[in-house]
Amino acid sequence: MSLQNYEDSEALGITTFITFMLTMMFHLFLYSYVGEQIMEKSTAISCSAYKATWYNLRAADSKPLIMLMARAKTPLQITAGKFFVLCLENYTDILKTSATYLSVLRAADPAHESKRELEH
């Protein structure tokens, strides 16, 4: 195998990896964005019900509205496995943690060390 073929296959592998990672990041972003929107809209239900003139209604008519406000205080959430809430804050945490892990792995990679030594 010639050096040119090796460099081409390495470039193809890197391109494939980057494409895969960007696709997965975008996929996770979509879920996180939708989760964030659901949380915001479900919280807005409580605010909208509170802004209505529920206090002018008869007691029998205002009780369901008060129950709606009480229920809507806790936002609806999309979870992954019922232990991870999909929202934009957690998405950024995933990206930060992934970058940290990648940095640690690159620092511990002996092949990466030898490449650095060859460059100097």
PDB file of N, CA and C in Angstrom:
ATOM      1  N   MET A   1       0.854  -1.179   0.000  1.00  0.00           N
ATOM      2  CA  MET A   1       0.000   0.000   0.000  1.00  0.00           C
ATOM      3  C   MET A   1       0.894   1.235   0.000  1.00  0.00           C
ATOM      4  N   SER A   2       0.652   2.114  -0.922  1.00  0.00           N
ATOM      5  CA  SER A   2       1.492   3.292  -1.028  1.00  0.00           C
ATOM      6  C   SER A   2       1.084   4.339   0.010  1.00  0.00           C
ATOM      7  N   LEU A   3       1.948   5.288   0.216  1.00  0.00           N
ATOM      8  CA  LEU A   3       1.699   6.352   1.181  1.00  0.00           C
ATOM      9  C   LEU A   3       0.503   7.195   0.768  1.00  0.00           C
ATOM     10  N   GLN A   4       0.339   7.439  -0.527  1.00  0.00           N
ATOM     11  CA  GLN A   4      -0.785   8.240  -1.022  1.00  0.00           C
ATOM     12  C   GLN A   4      -2.108   7.546  -0.714  1.00  0.00           C
ATOM     13  N   ASN A   5      -2.200   6.236  -0.932  1.00  0.00           N
ATOM     14  CA  ASN A   5      -3.423   5.495  -0.637  1.00  0.00           C
ATOM     15  C   ASN A   5      -3.722   5.526   0.856  1.00  0.00           C
ATOM     16  N   TYR A   6      -2.688   5.440   1.686  1.00  0.00           N
ATOM     17  CA  TYR A   6      -2.879   5.489   3.136  1.00  0.00           C
ATOM     18  C   TYR A   6      -3.432   6.841   3.555  1.00  0.00           C
ATOM     19  N   GLU A   7      -2.874   7.915   2.995  1.00  0.00           N
ATOM     20  CA  GLU A   7      -3.344   9.253   3.333  1.00  0.00           C
ATOM     21  C   GLU A   7      -4.773   9.472   2.849  1.00  0.00           C
ATOM     22  N   ASP A   8      -5.108   8.924   1.666  1.00  0.00           N
ATOM     23  CA  ASP A   8      -6.474   9.046   1.164  1.00  0.00           C
ATOM     24  C   ASP A   8      -7.455   8.298   2.053  1.00  0.00           C
ATOM     25  N   SER A   9      -7.102   7.091   2.494  1.00  0.00           N
ATOM     26  CA  SER A   9      -8.010   6.325   3.342  1.00  0.00           C
ATOM     27  C   SER A   9      -8.151   6.969   4.714  1.00  0.00           C
ATOM     28  N   GLU A  10      -7.073   7.584   5.201  1.00  0.00           N
ATOM     29  CA  GLU A  10      -7.157   8.288   6.492  1.00  0.00           C
ATOM     30  C   GLU A  10      -8.053   9.511   6.364  1.00  0.00           C
ATOM     31  N   ALA A  11      -7.928  10.241   5.261  1.00  0.00           N
ATOM     32  CA  ALA A  11      -8.771  11.414   5.035  1.00  0.00           C
ATOM     33  C   ALA A  11     -10.240  11.005   4.895  1.00  0.00           C
ATOM     34  N   LEU A  12     -10.468   9.896   4.220  1.00  0.00           N
ATOM     35  CA  LEU A  12     -11.835   9.401   4.077  1.00  0.00           C
ATOM     36  C   LEU A  12     -12.405   9.002   5.437  1.00  0.00           C
ATOM     37  N   GLY A  13     -11.602   8.358   6.250  1.00  0.00           N
ATOM     38  CA  GLY A  13     -12.047   7.971   7.585  1.00  0.00           C
ATOM     39  C   GLY A  13     -12.362   9.177   8.449  1.00  0.00           C
ATOM     40  N   ILE A  14     -11.521  10.192   8.385  1.00  0.00           N
ATOM     41  CA  ILE A  14     -11.762  11.409   9.163  1.00  0.00           C
ATOM     42  C   ILE A  14     -13.019  12.112   8.674  1.00  0.00           C
ATOM     43  N   THR A  15     -13.184  12.186   7.359  1.00  0.00           N
ATOM     44  CA  THR A  15     -14.380  12.822   6.797  1.00  0.00           C
ATOM     45  C   THR A  15     -15.644  12.071   7.201  1.00  0.00           C
ATOM     46  N   THR A  16     -15.593  10.757   7.158  1.00  0.00           N
ATOM     47  CA  THR A  16     -16.744   9.943   7.563  1.00  0.00           C
ATOM     48  C   THR A  16     -17.062  10.162   9.041  1.00  0.00           C
ATOM     49  N   PHE A  17     -16.034  10.197   9.878  1.00  0.00           N
ATOM     50  CA  PHE A  17     -16.226  10.399  11.306  1.00  0.00           C
ATOM     51  C   PHE A  17     -16.841  11.769  11.591  1.00  0.00           C
ATOM     52  N   ILE A  18     -16.317  12.796  10.941  1.00  0.00           N
ATOM     53  CA  ILE A  18     -16.840  14.152  11.167  1.00  0.00           C
ATOM     54  C   ILE A  18     -18.290  14.248  10.702  1.00  0.00           C
ATOM     55  N   THR A  19     -18.595  13.662   9.561  1.00  0.00           N
ATOM     56  CA  THR A  19     -19.975  13.659   9.063  1.00  0.00           C
ATOM     57  C   THR A  19     -20.904  12.944  10.033  1.00  0.00           C
ATOM     58  N   PHE A  20     -20.472  11.806  10.527  1.00  0.00           N
ATOM     59  CA  PHE A  20     -21.273  11.046  11.484  1.00  0.00           C
ATOM     60  C   PHE A  20     -21.500  11.856  12.759  1.00  0.00           C
ATOM     61  N   MET A  21     -20.448  12.473  13.288  1.00  0.00           N
ATOM     62  CA  MET A  21     -20.579  13.239  14.530  1.00  0.00           C
ATOM     63  C   MET A  21     -21.500  14.443  14.352  1.00  0.00           C
ATOM     64  N   LEU A  22     -21.375  15.146  13.239  1.00  0.00           N
ATOM     65  CA  LEU A  22     -22.250  16.290  12.989  1.00  0.00           C
ATOM     66  C   LEU A  22     -23.706  15.852  12.853  1.00  0.00           C
ATOM     67  N   THR A  23     -23.923  14.724  12.201  1.00  0.00           N
ATOM     68  CA  THR A  23     -25.288  14.209  12.057  1.00  0.00           C
ATOM     69  C   THR A  23     -25.877  13.846  13.409  1.00  0.00           C
ATOM     70  N   MET A  24     -25.095  13.184  14.253  1.00  0.00           N
ATOM     71  CA  MET A  24     -25.581  12.804  15.585  1.00  0.00           C
ATOM     72  C   MET A  24     -25.817  14.036  16.463  1.00  0.00           C
ATOM     73  N   MET A  25     -24.937  15.029  16.351  1.00  0.00           N
ATOM     74  CA  MET A  25     -25.127  16.255  17.132  1.00  0.00           C
ATOM     75  C   MET A  25     -26.389  16.981  16.686  1.00  0.00           C
ATOM     76  N   PHE A  26     -26.631  17.024  15.388  1.00  0.00           N
ATOM     77  CA  PHE A  26     -27.842  17.678  14.886  1.00  0.00           C
ATOM     78  C   PHE A  26     -29.092  16.917  15.313  1.00  0.00           C
ATOM     79  N   HIS A  27     -29.012  15.603  15.264  1.00  0.00           N
ATOM     80  CA  HIS A  27     -30.140  14.760  15.684  1.00  0.00           C
ATOM     81  C   HIS A  27     -30.467  15.008  17.153  1.00  0.00           C
ATOM     82  N   LEU A  28     -29.462  15.011  17.999  1.00  0.00           N
ATOM     83  CA  LEU A  28     -29.672  15.274  19.423  1.00  0.00           C
ATOM     84  C   LEU A  28     -30.162  16.693  19.645  1.00  0.00           C
ATOM     85  N   PHE A  29     -29.661  17.637  18.853  1.00  0.00           N
ATOM     86  CA  PHE A  29     -30.126  19.021  18.967  1.00  0.00           C
ATOM     87  C   PHE A  29     -31.616  19.119  18.674  1.00  0.00           C
ATOM     88  N   LEU A  30     -32.079  18.415  17.656  1.00  0.00           N
ATOM     89  CA  LEU A  30     -33.514  18.471  17.326  1.00  0.00           C
ATOM     90  C   LEU A  30     -34.368  17.984  18.486  1.00  0.00           C
ATOM     91  N   TYR A  31     -33.994  16.853  19.070  1.00  0.00           N
ATOM     92  CA  TYR A  31     -34.739  16.349  20.229  1.00  0.00           C
ATOM     93  C   TYR A  31     -34.685  17.340  21.387  1.00  0.00           C
ATOM     94  N   SER A  32     -33.519  17.909  21.626  1.00  0.00           N
ATOM     95  CA  SER A  32     -33.369  18.857  22.730  1.00  0.00           C
ATOM     96  C   SER A  32     -34.171  20.132  22.483  1.00  0.00           C
ATOM     97  N   TYR A  33     -34.179  20.601  21.254  1.00  0.00           N
ATOM     98  CA  TYR A  33     -34.933  21.805  20.926  1.00  0.00           C
ATOM     99  C   TYR A  33     -36.435  21.584  21.109  1.00  0.00           C
ATOM    100  N   VAL A  34     -36.923  20.458  20.624  1.00  0.00           N
ATOM    101  CA  VAL A  34     -38.348  20.147  20.786  1.00  0.00           C
ATOM    102  C   VAL A  34     -38.683  19.997  22.268  1.00  0.00           C
ATOM    103  N   GLY A  35     -37.812  19.347  23.026  1.00  0.00           N
ATOM    104  CA  GLY A  35     -38.024  19.215  24.464  1.00  0.00           C
ATOM    105  C   GLY A  35     -38.076  20.561  25.158  1.00  0.00           C
ATOM    106  N   GLU A  36     -37.206  21.462  24.747  1.00  0.00           N
ATOM    107  CA  GLU A  36     -37.197  22.819  25.311  1.00  0.00           C
ATOM    108  C   GLU A  36     -38.492  23.546  24.988  1.00  0.00           C
ATOM    109  N   GLN A  37     -38.958  23.425  23.746  1.00  0.00           N
ATOM    110  CA  GLN A  37     -40.201  24.086  23.344  1.00  0.00           C
ATOM    111  C   GLN A  37     -41.393  23.545  24.127  1.00  0.00           C
ATOM    112  N   ILE A  38     -41.434  22.238  24.336  1.00  0.00           N
ATOM    113  CA  ILE A  38     -42.533  21.640  25.102  1.00  0.00           C
ATOM    114  C   ILE A  38     -42.518  22.146  26.531  1.00  0.00           C
ATOM    115  N   MET A  39     -41.328  22.250  27.119  1.00  0.00           N
ATOM    116  CA  MET A  39     -41.235  22.764  28.490  1.00  0.00           C
ATOM    117  C   MET A  39     -41.722  24.210  28.567  1.00  0.00           C
ATOM    118  N   GLU A  40     -41.320  25.040  27.617  1.00  0.00           N
ATOM    119  CA  GLU A  40     -41.731  26.445  27.620  1.00  0.00           C
ATOM    120  C   GLU A  40     -43.229  26.601  27.406  1.00  0.00           C
ATOM    121  N   LYS A  41     -43.774  25.870  26.440  1.00  0.00           N
ATOM    122  CA  LYS A  41     -45.201  26.006  26.125  1.00  0.00           C
ATOM    123  C   LYS A  41     -46.073  25.469  27.256  1.00  0.00           C
ATOM    124  N   SER A  42     -45.641  24.385  27.896  1.00  0.00           N
ATOM    125  CA  SER A  42     -46.452  23.840  28.982  1.00  0.00           C
ATOM    126  C   SER A  42     -46.425  24.762  30.196  1.00  0.00           C
ATOM    127  N   THR A  43     -45.326  25.467  30.401  1.00  0.00           N
ATOM    128  CA  THR A  43     -45.263  26.445  31.489  1.00  0.00           C
ATOM    129  C   THR A  43     -46.117  27.665  31.155  1.00  0.00           C
ATOM    130  N   ALA A  44     -46.184  28.019  29.895  1.00  0.00           N
ATOM    131  CA  ALA A  44     -46.987  29.170  29.469  1.00  0.00           C
ATOM    132  C   ALA A  44     -48.484  28.930  29.677  1.00  0.00           C
ATOM    133  N   ILE A  45     -48.906  27.684  29.716  1.00  0.00           N
ATOM    134  CA  ILE A  45     -50.325  27.370  29.961  1.00  0.00           C
ATOM    135  C   ILE A  45     -50.745  27.890  31.324  1.00  0.00           C
ATOM    136  N   SER A  46     -49.914  27.684  32.324  1.00  0.00           N
ATOM    137  CA  SER A  46     -50.220  28.151  33.669  1.00  0.00           C
ATOM    138  C   SER A  46     -50.321  29.666  33.715  1.00  0.00           C
ATOM    139  N   CYS A  47     -49.407  30.344  33.051  1.00  0.00           N
ATOM    140  CA  CYS A  47     -49.432  31.811  33.027  1.00  0.00           C
ATOM    141  C   CYS A  47     -50.684  32.329  32.326  1.00  0.00           C
ATOM    142  N   SER A  48     -51.031  31.689  31.216  1.00  0.00           N
ATOM    143  CA  SER A  48     -52.226  32.123  30.479  1.00  0.00           C
ATOM    144  C   SER A  48     -53.492  31.900  31.287  1.00  0.00           C
ATOM    145  N   ALA A  49     -53.571  30.781  31.974  1.00  0.00           N
ATOM    146  CA  ALA A  49     -54.753  30.515  32.804  1.00  0.00           C
ATOM    147  C   ALA A  49     -54.831  31.502  33.966  1.00  0.00           C
ATOM    148  N   TYR A  50     -53.688  31.871  34.524  1.00  0.00           N
ATOM    149  CA  TYR A  50     -53.675  32.826  35.629  1.00  0.00           C
ATOM    150  C   TYR A  50     -54.112  34.211  35.172  1.00  0.00           C
ATOM    151  N   LYS A  51     -53.722  34.581  33.938  1.00  0.00           N
ATOM    152  CA  LYS A  51     -54.076  35.905  33.426  1.00  0.00           C
ATOM    153  C   LYS A  51     -55.561  36.012  33.066  1.00  0.00           C
ATOM    154  N   ALA A  52     -56.223  34.873  32.944  1.00  0.00           N
ATOM    155  CA  ALA A  52     -57.666  34.902  32.675  1.00  0.00           C
ATOM    156  C   ALA A  52     -58.377  35.414  33.932  1.00  0.00           C
ATOM    157  N   THR A  53     -59.592  35.838  33.774  1.00  0.00           N
ATOM    158  CA  THR A  53     -60.342  36.374  34.920  1.00  0.00           C
ATOM    159  C   THR A  53     -61.033  35.243  35.676  1.00  0.00           C
ATOM    160  N   TRP A  54     -60.271  34.274  36.140  1.00  0.00           N
ATOM    161  CA  TRP A  54     -60.815  33.121  36.846  1.00  0.00           C
ATOM    162  C   TRP A  54     -61.403  33.512  38.193  1.00  0.00           C
ATOM    163  N   TYR A  55     -60.914  34.599  38.747  1.00  0.00           N
ATOM    164  CA  TYR A  55     -61.401  35.024  40.063  1.00  0.00           C
ATOM    165  C   TYR A  55     -62.787  35.644  39.976  1.00  0.00           C
ATOM    166  N   ASN A  56     -63.251  35.985  38.781  1.00  0.00           N
ATOM    167  CA  ASN A  56     -64.610  36.521  38.607  1.00  0.00           C
ATOM    168  C   ASN A  56     -65.631  35.422  38.339  1.00  0.00           C
ATOM    169  N   LEU A  57     -65.181  34.186  38.146  1.00  0.00           N
ATOM    170  CA  LEU A  57     -66.086  33.077  37.850  1.00  0.00           C
ATOM    171  C   LEU A  57     -66.706  32.541  39.133  1.00  0.00           C
ATOM    172  N   ARG A  58     -67.781  31.767  38.942  1.00  0.00           N
ATOM    173  CA  ARG A  58     -68.369  31.082  40.095  1.00  0.00           C
ATOM    174  C   ARG A  58     -67.374  30.024  40.578  1.00  0.00           C
ATOM    175  N   ALA A  59     -67.492  29.622  41.804  1.00  0.00           N
ATOM    176  CA  ALA A  59     -66.555  28.660  42.401  1.00  0.00           C
ATOM    177  C   ALA A  59     -66.550  27.346  41.620  1.00  0.00           C
ATOM    178  N   ALA A  60     -67.712  26.888  41.199  1.00  0.00           N
ATOM    179  CA  ALA A  60     -67.794  25.619  40.466  1.00  0.00           C
ATOM    180  C   ALA A  60     -67.098  25.722  39.103  1.00  0.00           C
ATOM    181  N   ASP A  61     -67.114  26.889  38.509  1.00  0.00           N
ATOM    182  CA  ASP A  61     -66.476  27.079  37.200  1.00  0.00           C
ATOM    183  C   ASP A  61     -64.974  27.360  37.321  1.00  0.00           C
ATOM    184  N   SER A  62     -64.562  27.950  38.431  1.00  0.00           N
ATOM    185  CA  SER A  62     -63.151  28.314  38.568  1.00  0.00           C
ATOM    186  C   SER A  62     -62.288  27.160  39.080  1.00  0.00           C
ATOM    187  N   LYS A  63     -62.887  26.163  39.724  1.00  0.00           N
ATOM    188  CA  LYS A  63     -62.091  25.044  40.256  1.00  0.00           C
ATOM    189  C   LYS A  63     -61.317  24.286  39.182  1.00  0.00           C
ATOM    190  N   PRO A  64     -61.927  23.944  38.030  1.00  0.00           N
ATOM    191  CA  PRO A  64     -61.125  23.261  36.999  1.00  0.00           C
ATOM    192  C   PRO A  64     -59.976  24.126  36.482  1.00  0.00           C
ATOM    193  N   LEU A  65     -60.198  25.428  36.402  1.00  0.00           N
ATOM    194  CA  LEU A  65     -59.143  26.320  35.941  1.00  0.00           C
ATOM    195  C   LEU A  65     -58.011  26.412  36.963  1.00  0.00           C
ATOM    196  N   ILE A  66     -58.369  26.411  38.235  1.00  0.00           N
ATOM    197  CA  ILE A  66     -57.355  26.425  39.292  1.00  0.00           C
ATOM    198  C   ILE A  66     -56.577  25.109  39.289  1.00  0.00           C
ATOM    199  N   MET A  67     -57.260  24.009  39.055  1.00  0.00           N
ATOM    200  CA  MET A  67     -56.583  22.714  38.964  1.00  0.00           C
ATOM    201  C   MET A  67     -55.625  22.700  37.766  1.00  0.00           C
ATOM    202  N   LEU A  68     -56.042  23.296  36.671  1.00  0.00           N
ATOM    203  CA  LEU A  68     -55.185  23.396  35.490  1.00  0.00           C
ATOM    204  C   LEU A  68     -53.927  24.198  35.808  1.00  0.00           C
ATOM    205  N   MET A  69     -54.084  25.311  36.515  1.00  0.00           N
ATOM    206  CA  MET A  69     -52.926  26.129  36.880  1.00  0.00           C
ATOM    207  C   MET A  69     -51.980  25.355  37.805  1.00  0.00           C
ATOM    208  N   ALA A  70     -52.545  24.613  38.742  1.00  0.00           N
ATOM    209  CA  ALA A  70     -51.705  23.841  39.665  1.00  0.00           C
ATOM    210  C   ALA A  70     -50.950  22.750  38.914  1.00  0.00           C
ATOM    211  N   ARG A  71     -51.606  22.084  37.989  1.00  0.00           N
ATOM    212  CA  ARG A  71     -50.961  21.008  37.228  1.00  0.00           C
ATOM    213  C   ARG A  71     -49.898  21.556  36.268  1.00  0.00           C
ATOM    214  N   ALA A  72     -50.164  22.714  35.711  1.00  0.00           N
ATOM    215  CA  ALA A  72     -49.253  23.274  34.712  1.00  0.00           C
ATOM    216  C   ALA A  72     -48.027  23.930  35.343  1.00  0.00           C
ATOM    217  N   LYS A  73     -47.953  23.991  36.672  1.00  0.00           N
ATOM    218  CA  LYS A  73     -46.760  24.555  37.310  1.00  0.00           C
ATOM    219  C   LYS A  73     -45.525  23.713  37.019  1.00  0.00           C
ATOM    220  N   THR A  74     -45.692  22.399  36.973  1.00  0.00           N
ATOM    221  CA  THR A  74     -44.560  21.539  36.634  1.00  0.00           C
ATOM    222  C   THR A  74     -44.581  21.314  35.122  1.00  0.00           C
ATOM    223  N   PRO A  75     -43.519  21.681  34.439  1.00  0.00           N
ATOM    224  CA  PRO A  75     -43.525  21.594  32.974  1.00  0.00           C
ATOM    225  C   PRO A  75     -43.486  20.147  32.474  1.00  0.00           C
ATOM    226  N   LEU A  76     -44.061  19.931  31.312  1.00  0.00           N
ATOM    227  CA  LEU A  76     -43.939  18.642  30.648  1.00  0.00           C
ATOM    228  C   LEU A  76     -42.513  18.499  30.139  1.00  0.00           C
ATOM    229  N   GLN A  77     -42.001  17.272  30.154  1.00  0.00           N
ATOM    230  CA  GLN A  77     -40.617  17.067  29.740  1.00  0.00           C
ATOM    231  C   GLN A  77     -40.509  15.817  28.885  1.00  0.00           C
ATOM    232  N   ILE A  78     -39.638  15.883  27.893  1.00  0.00           N
ATOM    233  CA  ILE A  78     -39.276  14.687  27.133  1.00  0.00           C
ATOM    234  C   ILE A  78     -38.018  14.141  27.801  1.00  0.00           C
ATOM    235  N   THR A  79     -38.051  12.866  28.136  1.00  0.00           N
ATOM    236  CA  THR A  79     -36.895  12.273  28.793  1.00  0.00           C
ATOM    237  C   THR A  79     -36.325  11.147  27.943  1.00  0.00           C
ATOM    238  N   ALA A  80     -35.070  10.866  28.179  1.00  0.00           N
ATOM    239  CA  ALA A  80     -34.403   9.735  27.540  1.00  0.00           C
ATOM    240  C   ALA A  80     -34.238   8.671  28.619  1.00  0.00           C
ATOM    241  N   GLY A  81     -35.038   7.636  28.534  1.00  0.00           N
ATOM    242  CA  GLY A  81     -34.947   6.565  29.514  1.00  0.00           C
ATOM    243  C   GLY A  81     -35.448   6.957  30.894  1.00  0.00           C
ATOM    244  N   LYS A  82     -36.226   7.992  31.001  1.00  0.00           N
ATOM    245  CA  LYS A  82     -36.773   8.496  32.260  1.00  0.00           C
ATOM    246  C   LYS A  82     -35.702   8.923  33.253  1.00  0.00           C
ATOM    247  N   PHE A  83     -34.495   9.206  32.778  1.00  0.00           N
ATOM    248  CA  PHE A  83     -33.468   9.693  33.697  1.00  0.00           C
ATOM    249  C   PHE A  83     -32.727  10.908  33.144  1.00  0.00           C
ATOM    250  N   PHE A  84     -33.005  11.284  31.915  1.00  0.00           N
ATOM    251  CA  PHE A  84     -32.300  12.395  31.297  1.00  0.00           C
ATOM    252  C   PHE A  84     -33.310  13.270  30.564  1.00  0.00           C
ATOM    253  N   VAL A  85     -33.422  14.525  30.980  1.00  0.00           N
ATOM    254  CA  VAL A  85     -34.368  15.451  30.356  1.00  0.00           C
ATOM    255  C   VAL A  85     -33.729  16.048  29.107  1.00  0.00           C
ATOM    256  N   LEU A  86     -34.450  15.974  27.996  1.00  0.00           N
ATOM    257  CA  LEU A  86     -33.955  16.539  26.739  1.00  0.00           C
ATOM    258  C   LEU A  86     -34.325  18.015  26.674  1.00  0.00           C
ATOM    259  N   CYS A  87     -33.327  18.865  26.902  1.00  0.00           N
ATOM    260  CA  CYS A  87     -33.494  20.309  26.805  1.00  0.00           C
ATOM    261  C   CYS A  87     -32.172  20.897  26.328  1.00  0.00           C
ATOM    262  N   LEU A  88     -32.180  22.158  25.978  1.00  0.00           N
ATOM    263  CA  LEU A  88     -30.974  22.776  25.422  1.00  0.00           C
ATOM    264  C   LEU A  88     -29.850  22.886  26.446  1.00  0.00           C
ATOM    265  N   GLU A  89     -30.186  23.050  27.707  1.00  0.00           N
ATOM    266  CA  GLU A  89     -29.155  23.109  28.739  1.00  0.00           C
ATOM    267  C   GLU A  89     -28.396  21.784  28.822  1.00  0.00           C
ATOM    268  N   ASN A  90     -29.126  20.686  28.798  1.00  0.00           N
ATOM    269  CA  ASN A  90     -28.470  19.382  28.839  1.00  0.00           C
ATOM    270  C   ASN A  90     -27.719  19.086  27.539  1.00  0.00           C
ATOM    271  N   TYR A  91     -28.208  19.610  26.430  1.00  0.00           N
ATOM    272  CA  TYR A  91     -27.503  19.446  25.159  1.00  0.00           C
ATOM    273  C   TYR A  91     -26.121  20.093  25.226  1.00  0.00           C
ATOM    274  N   THR A  92     -26.058  21.308  25.750  1.00  0.00           N
ATOM    275  CA  THR A  92     -24.754  21.960  25.870  1.00  0.00           C
ATOM    276  C   THR A  92     -23.855  21.226  26.859  1.00  0.00           C
ATOM    277  N   ASP A  93     -24.444  20.666  27.918  1.00  0.00           N
ATOM    278  CA  ASP A  93     -23.649  19.861  28.859  1.00  0.00           C
ATOM    279  C   ASP A  93     -23.054  18.639  28.166  1.00  0.00           C
ATOM    280  N   ILE A  94     -23.836  18.014  27.287  1.00  0.00           N
ATOM    281  CA  ILE A  94     -23.335  16.849  26.543  1.00  0.00           C
ATOM    282  C   ILE A  94     -22.168  17.259  25.655  1.00  0.00           C
ATOM    283  N   LEU A  95     -22.299  18.387  24.969  1.00  0.00           N
ATOM    284  CA  LEU A  95     -21.223  18.843  24.086  1.00  0.00           C
ATOM    285  C   LEU A  95     -19.957  19.167  24.878  1.00  0.00           C
ATOM    286  N   LYS A  96     -20.109  19.831  26.004  1.00  0.00           N
ATOM    287  CA  LYS A  96     -18.947  20.165  26.828  1.00  0.00           C
ATOM    288  C   LYS A  96     -18.261  18.907  27.345  1.00  0.00           C
ATOM    289  N   THR A  97     -19.057  17.963  27.838  1.00  0.00           N
ATOM    290  CA  THR A  97     -18.491  16.724  28.368  1.00  0.00           C
ATOM    291  C   THR A  97     -17.815  15.918  27.268  1.00  0.00           C
ATOM    292  N   SER A  98     -18.430  15.870  26.105  1.00  0.00           N
ATOM    293  CA  SER A  98     -17.836  15.136  24.980  1.00  0.00           C
ATOM    294  C   SER A  98     -16.501  15.745  24.568  1.00  0.00           C
ATOM    295  N   ALA A  99     -16.435  17.068  24.534  1.00  0.00           N
ATOM    296  CA  ALA A  99     -15.179  17.728  24.178  1.00  0.00           C
ATOM    297  C   ALA A  99     -14.100  17.445  25.217  1.00  0.00           C
ATOM    298  N   THR A 100     -14.491  17.392  26.478  1.00  0.00           N
ATOM    299  CA  THR A 100     -13.534  17.073  27.537  1.00  0.00           C
ATOM    300  C   THR A 100     -13.019  15.650  27.392  1.00  0.00           C
ATOM    301  N   TYR A 101     -13.918  14.698  27.152  1.00  0.00           N
ATOM    302  CA  TYR A 101     -13.512  13.305  26.974  1.00  0.00           C
ATOM    303  C   TYR A 101     -12.583  13.160  25.767  1.00  0.00           C
ATOM    304  N   LEU A 102     -12.910  13.833  24.684  1.00  0.00           N
ATOM    305  CA  LEU A 102     -12.072  13.768  23.488  1.00  0.00           C
ATOM    306  C   LEU A 102     -10.679  14.321  23.767  1.00  0.00           C
ATOM    307  N   SER A 103     -10.627  15.402  24.499  1.00  0.00           N
ATOM    308  CA  SER A 103      -9.345  16.000  24.847  1.00  0.00           C
ATOM    309  C   SER A 103      -8.505  15.049  25.704  1.00  0.00           C
ATOM    310  N   VAL A 104      -9.137  14.399  26.673  1.00  0.00           N
ATOM    311  CA  VAL A 104      -8.423  13.447  27.531  1.00  0.00           C
ATOM    312  C   VAL A 104      -7.947  12.251  26.711  1.00  0.00           C
ATOM    313  N   LEU A 105      -8.794  11.733  25.845  1.00  0.00           N
ATOM    314  CA  LEU A 105      -8.410  10.583  25.023  1.00  0.00           C
ATOM    315  C   LEU A 105      -7.271  10.931  24.068  1.00  0.00           C
ATOM    316  N   ARG A 106      -7.321  12.120  23.490  1.00  0.00           N
ATOM    317  CA  ARG A 106      -6.239  12.527  22.579  1.00  0.00           C
ATOM    318  C   ARG A 106      -4.936  12.695  23.338  1.00  0.00           C
ATOM    319  N   ALA A 107      -5.004  13.185  24.554  1.00  0.00           N
ATOM    320  CA  ALA A 107      -3.790  13.367  25.352  1.00  0.00           C
ATOM    321  C   ALA A 107      -3.201  12.021  25.779  1.00  0.00           C
ATOM    322  N   ALA A 108      -4.056  11.022  25.970  1.00  0.00           N
ATOM    323  CA  ALA A 108      -3.593   9.707  26.423  1.00  0.00           C
ATOM    324  C   ALA A 108      -3.240   8.777  25.274  1.00  0.00           C
ATOM    325  N   ASP A 109      -3.508   9.174  24.038  1.00  0.00           N
ATOM    326  CA  ASP A 109      -3.268   8.311  22.872  1.00  0.00           C
ATOM    327  C   ASP A 109      -1.773   8.271  22.546  1.00  0.00           C
ATOM    328  N   PRO A 110      -1.143   7.100  22.615  1.00  0.00           N
ATOM    329  CA  PRO A 110       0.292   7.030  22.310  1.00  0.00           C
ATOM    330  C   PRO A 110       0.593   7.376  20.852  1.00  0.00           C
ATOM    331  N   ALA A 111      -0.292   7.062  19.926  1.00  0.00           N
ATOM    332  CA  ALA A 111      -0.064   7.399  18.514  1.00  0.00           C
ATOM    333  C   ALA A 111      -0.054   8.913  18.337  1.00  0.00           C
ATOM    334  N   HIS A 112      -0.918   9.589  19.075  1.00  0.00           N
ATOM    335  CA  HIS A 112      -0.965  11.047  19.001  1.00  0.00           C
ATOM    336  C   HIS A 112       0.318  11.638  19.576  1.00  0.00           C
ATOM    337  N   GLU A 113       0.841  11.032  20.627  1.00  0.00           N
ATOM    338  CA  GLU A 113       2.097  11.490  21.231  1.00  0.00           C
ATOM    339  C   GLU A 113       3.247  11.377  20.243  1.00  0.00           C
ATOM    340  N   SER A 114       3.326  10.244  19.541  1.00  0.00           N
ATOM    341  CA  SER A 114       4.431  10.059  18.600  1.00  0.00           C
ATOM    342  C   SER A 114       4.332  11.043  17.437  1.00  0.00           C
ATOM    343  N   LYS A 115       3.109  11.383  17.002  1.00  0.00           N
ATOM    344  CA  LYS A 115       2.933  12.374  15.928  1.00  0.00           C
ATOM    345  C   LYS A 115       3.399  13.741  16.398  1.00  0.00           C
ATOM    346  N   ARG A 116       3.102  14.075  17.669  1.00  0.00           N
ATOM    347  CA  ARG A 116       3.531  15.357  18.202  1.00  0.00           C
ATOM    348  C   ARG A 116       5.056  15.435  18.293  1.00  0.00           C
ATOM    349  N   GLU A 117       5.676  14.323  18.676  1.00  0.00           N
ATOM    350  CA  GLU A 117       7.122  14.300  18.785  1.00  0.00           C
ATOM    351  C   GLU A 117       7.787  14.424  17.413  1.00  0.00           C
ATOM    352  N   LEU A 118       7.155  13.828  16.394  1.00  0.00           N
ATOM    353  CA  LEU A 118       7.716  13.918  15.037  1.00  0.00           C
ATOM    354  C   LEU A 118       7.618  15.341  14.486  1.00  0.00           C
ATOM    355  N   GLU A 119       6.591  16.081  14.903  1.00  0.00           N
ATOM    356  CA  GLU A 119       6.403  17.440  14.416  1.00  0.00           C
ATOM    357  C   GLU A 119       7.448  18.387  14.996  1.00  0.00           C
ATOM    358  N   HIS A 120       7.940  18.103  16.180  1.00  0.00           N
ATOM    359  CA  HIS A 120       8.915  19.010  16.827  1.00  0.00           C
ATOM    360  C   HIS A 120      10.293  18.674  16.481  1.00  0.00           C
TER     361      HIS A 120
END
